[in-house]
Amino acid sequence: MTGNLILFDWDDTLFSKVEYKKNLRSNLARICEVSEGEIFIVEDEYFKNLKKSDDFQIESFVDSFSKKFEKKINLEDFSTDKLGIYSMALFPDVIVVLENLKKNNFKLGINTQGFSALQMIKIKSSGIGHFFDQQYIYINRNKLDPEFIKNLPNGATIIDDKEEVLKTLNVTGRFNIVLINRNNDEKTDEITTVRNLTEFADLVKRNKKDKN
């Protein structure tokens, strides 16, 4: 039974990419002994050379600064939470909400897009990996790939910050979908929308109670 299964998008649902980049930038500036402005210029060039933002890989990213500023950078510092880069990028409501949902007997999983190795680094190093059932962690380079969607469990509740993704999932009629919009109060009639994870937790617990 997967009626109590929740699949969370990762980036910008549980984990702030903005904060992640800030954390990377500040630590690289310190290690390379340059200003954050200089780091930003190299960062901007790196991302401009990617075909799409999800092509980001921490190894090549860090290496671009090592070459630019001729500094030896320990990759382990940026692929673990030794510097707090990952745990400090979690949204403030994440841990409390995940704990609450687990106590209410929900199964938790991940549905995310990107390179599997990097996404697993984020999940593990953020310190919240233990909340998720390993058999329900789904990672793909393209979440809209029909073959990938086929593997997602029927009846799961899926929360994501991308309306395009949720509209595609909604067409299948197989999932309960929820849009999280942390940026403003705008909502869509087509998709249930929440502003934060606390509101989401209240929603799924209420829906569970109604079904029982």
C-alpha atoms as a PDB file:
ATOM      1  CA  MET A   1       0.000   0.000   0.000  1.00  0.00           C
ATOM      2  CA  THR A   2       1.379   3.411  -0.933  1.00  0.00           C
ATOM      3  CA  GLY A   3      -1.527   5.590   0.202  1.00  0.00           C
ATOM      4  CA  ASN A   4       0.564   6.851   3.108  1.00  0.00           C
ATOM      5  CA  LEU A   5       3.640   7.430   0.929  1.00  0.00           C
ATOM      6  CA  ILE A   6       4.858  10.983   0.380  1.00  0.00           C
ATOM      7  CA  LEU A   7       7.480  11.705  -2.264  1.00  0.00           C
ATOM      8  CA  PHE A   8       9.254  15.012  -1.786  1.00  0.00           C
ATOM      9  CA  ASP A   9      10.996  16.938  -4.501  1.00  0.00           C
ATOM     10  CA  TRP A  10      14.423  17.909  -3.173  1.00  0.00           C
ATOM     11  CA  ASP A  11      15.725  21.183  -4.614  1.00  0.00           C
ATOM     12  CA  ASP A  12      13.674  24.220  -3.570  1.00  0.00           C
ATOM     13  CA  THR A  13      11.172  22.010  -1.737  1.00  0.00           C
ATOM     14  CA  LEU A  14      13.309  20.678   1.114  1.00  0.00           C
ATOM     15  CA  PHE A  15      16.649  22.194   0.170  1.00  0.00           C
ATOM     16  CA  SER A  16      17.294  25.792  -0.858  1.00  0.00           C
ATOM     17  CA  LYS A  17      19.528  26.034  -3.911  1.00  0.00           C
ATOM     18  CA  VAL A  18      19.981  29.741  -3.171  1.00  0.00           C
ATOM     19  CA  GLU A  19      21.367  29.010   0.300  1.00  0.00           C
ATOM     20  CA  TYR A  20      23.420  26.118  -1.049  1.00  0.00           C
ATOM     21  CA  LYS A  21      25.138  28.383  -3.563  1.00  0.00           C
ATOM     22  CA  LYS A  22      25.718  31.035  -0.886  1.00  0.00           C
ATOM     23  CA  ASN A  23      27.321  28.415   1.354  1.00  0.00           C
ATOM     24  CA  LEU A  24      29.531  27.188  -1.466  1.00  0.00           C
ATOM     25  CA  ARG A  25      30.479  30.741  -2.416  1.00  0.00           C
ATOM     26  CA  SER A  26      31.428  31.909   1.080  1.00  0.00           C
ATOM     27  CA  ASN A  27      33.572  28.857   1.781  1.00  0.00           C
ATOM     28  CA  LEU A  28      35.287  28.993  -1.593  1.00  0.00           C
ATOM     29  CA  ALA A  29      36.089  32.675  -1.057  1.00  0.00           C
ATOM     30  CA  ARG A  30      37.640  31.890   2.317  1.00  0.00           C
ATOM     31  CA  ILE A  31      39.680  28.951   1.036  1.00  0.00           C
ATOM     32  CA  CYS A  32      40.800  30.685  -2.181  1.00  0.00           C
ATOM     33  CA  GLU A  33      41.478  33.938  -0.265  1.00  0.00           C
ATOM     34  CA  VAL A  34      39.480  36.075  -2.682  1.00  0.00           C
ATOM     35  CA  SER A  35      36.298  38.110  -2.445  1.00  0.00           C
ATOM     36  CA  GLU A  36      32.849  36.587  -2.872  1.00  0.00           C
ATOM     37  CA  GLY A  37      32.465  38.865  -5.870  1.00  0.00           C
ATOM     38  CA  GLU A  38      35.382  37.141  -7.578  1.00  0.00           C
ATOM     39  CA  ILE A  39      33.881  33.773  -6.703  1.00  0.00           C
ATOM     40  CA  PHE A  40      30.550  34.840  -8.164  1.00  0.00           C
ATOM     41  CA  ILE A  41      32.157  35.710 -11.519  1.00  0.00           C
ATOM     42  CA  VAL A  42      33.685  32.222 -11.824  1.00  0.00           C
ATOM     43  CA  GLU A  43      30.429  30.640 -10.644  1.00  0.00           C
ATOM     44  CA  ASP A  44      28.439  32.573 -13.229  1.00  0.00           C
ATOM     45  CA  GLU A  45      30.789  31.457 -15.985  1.00  0.00           C
ATOM     46  CA  TYR A  46      30.522  27.839 -14.826  1.00  0.00           C
ATOM     47  CA  PHE A  47      26.732  27.834 -14.986  1.00  0.00           C
ATOM     48  CA  LYS A  48      26.675  29.616 -18.351  1.00  0.00           C
ATOM     49  CA  ASN A  49      28.709  26.748 -19.777  1.00  0.00           C
ATOM     50  CA  LEU A  50      26.197  24.126 -18.607  1.00  0.00           C
ATOM     51  CA  LYS A  51      23.493  23.004 -21.037  1.00  0.00           C
ATOM     52  CA  LYS A  52      21.045  23.169 -18.134  1.00  0.00           C
ATOM     53  CA  SER A  53      21.384  23.912 -14.435  1.00  0.00           C
ATOM     54  CA  ASP A  54      20.796  20.269 -13.472  1.00  0.00           C
ATOM     55  CA  ASP A  55      24.100  19.397 -15.194  1.00  0.00           C
ATOM     56  CA  PHE A  56      25.817  20.848 -12.113  1.00  0.00           C
ATOM     57  CA  GLN A  57      28.321  18.491 -10.498  1.00  0.00           C
ATOM     58  CA  ILE A  58      30.191  19.401  -7.339  1.00  0.00           C
ATOM     59  CA  GLU A  59      33.483  17.904  -8.573  1.00  0.00           C
ATOM     60  CA  SER A  60      33.692  19.991 -11.755  1.00  0.00           C
ATOM     61  CA  PHE A  61      32.354  23.056  -9.940  1.00  0.00           C
ATOM     62  CA  VAL A  62      35.040  22.977  -7.244  1.00  0.00           C
ATOM     63  CA  ASP A  63      37.722  22.142  -9.798  1.00  0.00           C
ATOM     64  CA  SER A  64      36.921  25.293 -11.776  1.00  0.00           C
ATOM     65  CA  PHE A  65      37.870  27.432  -8.743  1.00  0.00           C
ATOM     66  CA  SER A  66      40.956  25.382  -7.982  1.00  0.00           C
ATOM     67  CA  LYS A  67      42.239  26.027 -11.507  1.00  0.00           C
ATOM     68  CA  LYS A  68      41.179  29.682 -11.623  1.00  0.00           C
ATOM     69  CA  PHE A  69      42.810  30.692  -8.341  1.00  0.00           C
ATOM     70  CA  GLU A  70      45.554  28.037  -8.324  1.00  0.00           C
ATOM     71  CA  LYS A  71      44.510  26.750  -4.936  1.00  0.00           C
ATOM     72  CA  LYS A  72      44.358  23.168  -3.714  1.00  0.00           C
ATOM     73  CA  ILE A  73      40.771  22.584  -2.582  1.00  0.00           C
ATOM     74  CA  ASN A  74      39.815  19.486  -0.640  1.00  0.00           C
ATOM     75  CA  LEU A  75      36.788  18.054  -2.479  1.00  0.00           C
ATOM     76  CA  GLU A  76      35.694  16.220   0.682  1.00  0.00           C
ATOM     77  CA  ASP A  77      35.002  19.595   2.309  1.00  0.00           C
ATOM     78  CA  PHE A  78      32.402  20.250  -0.378  1.00  0.00           C
ATOM     79  CA  SER A  79      30.945  16.753  -0.743  1.00  0.00           C
ATOM     80  CA  THR A  80      30.275  16.261   2.979  1.00  0.00           C
ATOM     81  CA  ASP A  81      28.776  18.523   5.631  1.00  0.00           C
ATOM     82  CA  LYS A  82      32.135  19.244   7.260  1.00  0.00           C
ATOM     83  CA  LEU A  83      31.591  22.981   6.616  1.00  0.00           C
ATOM     84  CA  GLY A  84      27.812  22.944   7.158  1.00  0.00           C
ATOM     85  CA  ILE A  85      27.200  23.565   3.467  1.00  0.00           C
ATOM     86  CA  TYR A  86      24.344  21.070   3.164  1.00  0.00           C
ATOM     87  CA  SER A  87      22.597  21.096   6.534  1.00  0.00           C
ATOM     88  CA  MET A  88      22.453  24.894   6.509  1.00  0.00           C
ATOM     89  CA  ALA A  89      20.703  24.856   3.120  1.00  0.00           C
ATOM     90  CA  LEU A  90      17.632  23.039   4.460  1.00  0.00           C
ATOM     91  CA  PHE A  91      14.525  25.157   4.788  1.00  0.00           C
ATOM     92  CA  PRO A  92      13.758  25.913   8.476  1.00  0.00           C
ATOM     93  CA  ASP A  93      10.526  23.885   8.527  1.00  0.00           C
ATOM     94  CA  VAL A  94      11.986  20.658   7.128  1.00  0.00           C
ATOM     95  CA  ILE A  95      13.158  18.654  10.146  1.00  0.00           C
ATOM     96  CA  VAL A  96      10.154  19.392  12.367  1.00  0.00           C
ATOM     97  CA  VAL A  97       7.727  18.477   9.588  1.00  0.00           C
ATOM     98  CA  LEU A  98       9.515  15.253   8.630  1.00  0.00           C
ATOM     99  CA  GLU A  99       9.600  14.178  12.289  1.00  0.00           C
ATOM    100  CA  ASN A 100       5.893  14.946  12.588  1.00  0.00           C
ATOM    101  CA  LEU A 101       4.967  12.976   9.482  1.00  0.00           C
ATOM    102  CA  LYS A 102       7.009   9.957  10.568  1.00  0.00           C
ATOM    103  CA  LYS A 103       5.256  10.001  13.947  1.00  0.00           C
ATOM    104  CA  ASN A 104       1.951   9.935  12.080  1.00  0.00           C
ATOM    105  CA  ASN A 105       3.016   6.783  10.220  1.00  0.00           C
ATOM    106  CA  PHE A 106       3.658   8.278   6.798  1.00  0.00           C
ATOM    107  CA  LYS A 107       6.280   6.672   4.599  1.00  0.00           C
ATOM    108  CA  LEU A 108       8.642   9.275   3.183  1.00  0.00           C
ATOM    109  CA  GLY A 109      10.577   9.208  -0.073  1.00  0.00           C
ATOM    110  CA  ILE A 110      12.257  11.456  -2.621  1.00  0.00           C
ATOM    111  CA  ASN A 111      11.450  12.257  -6.269  1.00  0.00           C
ATOM    112  CA  THR A 112      14.227  14.464  -7.599  1.00  0.00           C
ATOM    113  CA  GLN A 113      16.008  15.473 -10.774  1.00  0.00           C
ATOM    114  CA  GLY A 114      19.753  15.665 -11.319  1.00  0.00           C
ATOM    115  CA  PHE A 115      22.840  13.486 -11.213  1.00  0.00           C
ATOM    116  CA  SER A 116      22.260  10.616  -8.820  1.00  0.00           C
ATOM    117  CA  ALA A 117      25.656  10.961  -7.127  1.00  0.00           C
ATOM    118  CA  LEU A 118      25.175  14.659  -6.345  1.00  0.00           C
ATOM    119  CA  GLN A 119      21.579  14.283  -5.189  1.00  0.00           C
ATOM    120  CA  MET A 120      22.623  11.476  -2.846  1.00  0.00           C
ATOM    121  CA  ILE A 121      25.399  13.677  -1.455  1.00  0.00           C
ATOM    122  CA  LYS A 122      22.794  16.344  -0.711  1.00  0.00           C
ATOM    123  CA  ILE A 123      20.416  13.864   0.921  1.00  0.00           C
ATOM    124  CA  LYS A 124      23.107  12.189   3.020  1.00  0.00           C
ATOM    125  CA  SER A 125      25.092  15.290   3.958  1.00  0.00           C
ATOM    126  CA  SER A 126      22.046  17.376   4.866  1.00  0.00           C
ATOM    127  CA  GLY A 127      21.495  15.120   7.870  1.00  0.00           C
ATOM    128  CA  ILE A 128      17.922  14.100   7.013  1.00  0.00           C
ATOM    129  CA  GLY A 129      18.568  10.983   4.950  1.00  0.00           C
ATOM    130  CA  HIS A 130      17.350   8.725   7.762  1.00  0.00           C
ATOM    131  CA  PHE A 131      13.799  10.021   7.367  1.00  0.00           C
ATOM    132  CA  PHE A 132      13.448   8.448   3.920  1.00  0.00           C
ATOM    133  CA  ASP A 133      12.767   4.860   2.950  1.00  0.00           C
ATOM    134  CA  GLN A 134      15.591   3.862   0.607  1.00  0.00           C
ATOM    135  CA  GLN A 135      13.268   1.892  -1.671  1.00  0.00           C
ATOM    136  CA  TYR A 136      11.333   5.093  -2.347  1.00  0.00           C
ATOM    137  CA  ILE A 137      14.183   7.337  -3.468  1.00  0.00           C
ATOM    138  CA  TYR A 138      13.754   8.159  -7.163  1.00  0.00           C
ATOM    139  CA  ILE A 139      16.403  10.179  -8.999  1.00  0.00           C
ATOM    140  CA  ASN A 140      16.514  10.859 -12.719  1.00  0.00           C
ATOM    141  CA  ARG A 141      18.092  13.342 -15.088  1.00  0.00           C
ATOM    142  CA  ASN A 142      14.595  14.223 -16.327  1.00  0.00           C
ATOM    143  CA  LYS A 143      11.573  13.894 -14.031  1.00  0.00           C
ATOM    144  CA  LEU A 144       9.250  14.316 -17.016  1.00  0.00           C
ATOM    145  CA  ASP A 145      10.566  11.158 -18.708  1.00  0.00           C
ATOM    146  CA  PRO A 146       7.494   8.891 -19.158  1.00  0.00           C
ATOM    147  CA  GLU A 147       9.557   5.780 -18.411  1.00  0.00           C
ATOM    148  CA  PHE A 148      10.735   7.297 -15.137  1.00  0.00           C
ATOM    149  CA  ILE A 149       7.200   8.310 -14.154  1.00  0.00           C
ATOM    150  CA  LYS A 150       6.033   4.738 -14.728  1.00  0.00           C
ATOM    151  CA  ASN A 151       8.265   3.617 -11.849  1.00  0.00           C
ATOM    152  CA  LEU A 152       6.684   5.960  -9.303  1.00  0.00           C
ATOM    153  CA  PRO A 153       4.233   4.169  -6.959  1.00  0.00           C
ATOM    154  CA  ASN A 154       0.526   4.544  -7.618  1.00  0.00           C
ATOM    155  CA  GLY A 155      -1.360   6.482  -4.951  1.00  0.00           C
ATOM    156  CA  ALA A 156       1.676   8.367  -3.658  1.00  0.00           C
ATOM    157  CA  THR A 157       1.358  12.013  -2.636  1.00  0.00           C
ATOM    158  CA  ILE A 158       3.959  14.054  -4.512  1.00  0.00           C
ATOM    159  CA  ILE A 159       4.969  17.579  -3.508  1.00  0.00           C
ATOM    160  CA  ASP A 160       7.053  19.720  -5.850  1.00  0.00           C
ATOM    161  CA  ASP A 161       7.788  23.397  -6.472  1.00  0.00           C
ATOM    162  CA  LYS A 162       7.532  23.006 -10.265  1.00  0.00           C
ATOM    163  CA  GLU A 163       4.005  23.368 -11.649  1.00  0.00           C
ATOM    164  CA  GLU A 164       5.100  21.865 -14.983  1.00  0.00           C
ATOM    165  CA  VAL A 165       6.153  18.632 -13.273  1.00  0.00           C
ATOM    166  CA  LEU A 166       2.929  18.345 -11.292  1.00  0.00           C
ATOM    167  CA  LYS A 167       0.721  18.998 -14.311  1.00  0.00           C
ATOM    168  CA  THR A 168       2.456  16.148 -16.135  1.00  0.00           C
ATOM    169  CA  LEU A 169       1.972  13.826 -13.162  1.00  0.00           C
ATOM    170  CA  ASN A 170      -1.641  14.907 -12.782  1.00  0.00           C
ATOM    171  CA  VAL A 171      -2.484  13.759 -16.314  1.00  0.00           C
ATOM    172  CA  THR A 172      -1.712  10.166 -15.305  1.00  0.00           C
ATOM    173  CA  GLY A 173      -4.395  10.193 -12.609  1.00  0.00           C
ATOM    174  CA  ARG A 174      -2.111   8.012 -10.472  1.00  0.00           C
ATOM    175  CA  PHE A 175      -0.953  10.464  -7.813  1.00  0.00           C
ATOM    176  CA  ASN A 176      -2.085  13.017  -5.274  1.00  0.00           C
ATOM    177  CA  ILE A 177      -0.167  16.152  -6.188  1.00  0.00           C
ATOM    178  CA  VAL A 178       0.626  19.270  -4.180  1.00  0.00           C
ATOM    179  CA  LEU A 179       2.456  22.420  -5.299  1.00  0.00           C
ATOM    180  CA  ILE A 180       4.627  24.231  -2.765  1.00  0.00           C
ATOM    181  CA  ASN A 181       5.030  27.936  -3.492  1.00  0.00           C
ATOM    182  CA  ARG A 182       7.399  29.515  -0.990  1.00  0.00           C
ATOM    183  CA  ASN A 183       7.718  32.731  -3.011  1.00  0.00           C
ATOM    184  CA  ASN A 184       4.270  34.316  -2.758  1.00  0.00           C
ATOM    185  CA  ASP A 185       0.585  33.671  -2.008  1.00  0.00           C
ATOM    186  CA  GLU A 186      -0.375  32.791  -5.580  1.00  0.00           C
ATOM    187  CA  LYS A 187      -2.375  29.582  -5.974  1.00  0.00           C
ATOM    188  CA  THR A 188      -3.649  27.603  -8.927  1.00  0.00           C
ATOM    189  CA  ASP A 189      -7.152  26.177  -9.257  1.00  0.00           C
ATOM    190  CA  GLU A 190      -5.808  23.066 -10.963  1.00  0.00           C
ATOM    191  CA  ILE A 191      -3.364  22.011  -8.256  1.00  0.00           C
ATOM    192  CA  THR A 192      -3.626  22.141  -4.454  1.00  0.00           C
ATOM    193  CA  THR A 193      -1.072  24.735  -3.338  1.00  0.00           C
ATOM    194  CA  VAL A 194       0.661  25.238   0.015  1.00  0.00           C
ATOM    195  CA  ARG A 195       3.059  27.954   1.131  1.00  0.00           C
ATOM    196  CA  ASN A 196       5.274  25.846   3.366  1.00  0.00           C
ATOM    197  CA  LEU A 197       5.786  22.314   4.651  1.00  0.00           C
ATOM    198  CA  THR A 198       3.846  22.907   7.868  1.00  0.00           C
ATOM    199  CA  GLU A 199       0.768  23.696   5.815  1.00  0.00           C
ATOM    200  CA  PHE A 200       1.464  20.607   3.704  1.00  0.00           C
ATOM    201  CA  ALA A 201       1.721  18.348   6.773  1.00  0.00           C
ATOM    202  CA  ASP A 202      -1.599  19.641   8.073  1.00  0.00           C
ATOM    203  CA  LEU A 203      -3.154  18.918   4.670  1.00  0.00           C
ATOM    204  CA  VAL A 204      -1.987  15.311   4.361  1.00  0.00           C
ATOM    205  CA  LYS A 205      -2.851  14.492   7.977  1.00  0.00           C
ATOM    206  CA  ARG A 206      -6.329  15.923   7.466  1.00  0.00           C
ATOM    207  CA  ASN A 207      -6.775  13.926   4.258  1.00  0.00           C
ATOM    208  CA  LYS A 208      -5.632  10.756   6.046  1.00  0.00           C
ATOM    209  CA  LYS A 209      -8.125  11.352   8.862  1.00  0.00           C
ATOM    210  CA  ASP A 210     -10.956  11.910   6.391  1.00  0.00           C
ATOM    211  CA  LYS A 211     -10.202   8.623   4.620  1.00  0.00           C
ATOM    212  CA  ASN A 212     -10.225   6.740   7.911  1.00  0.00           C
END
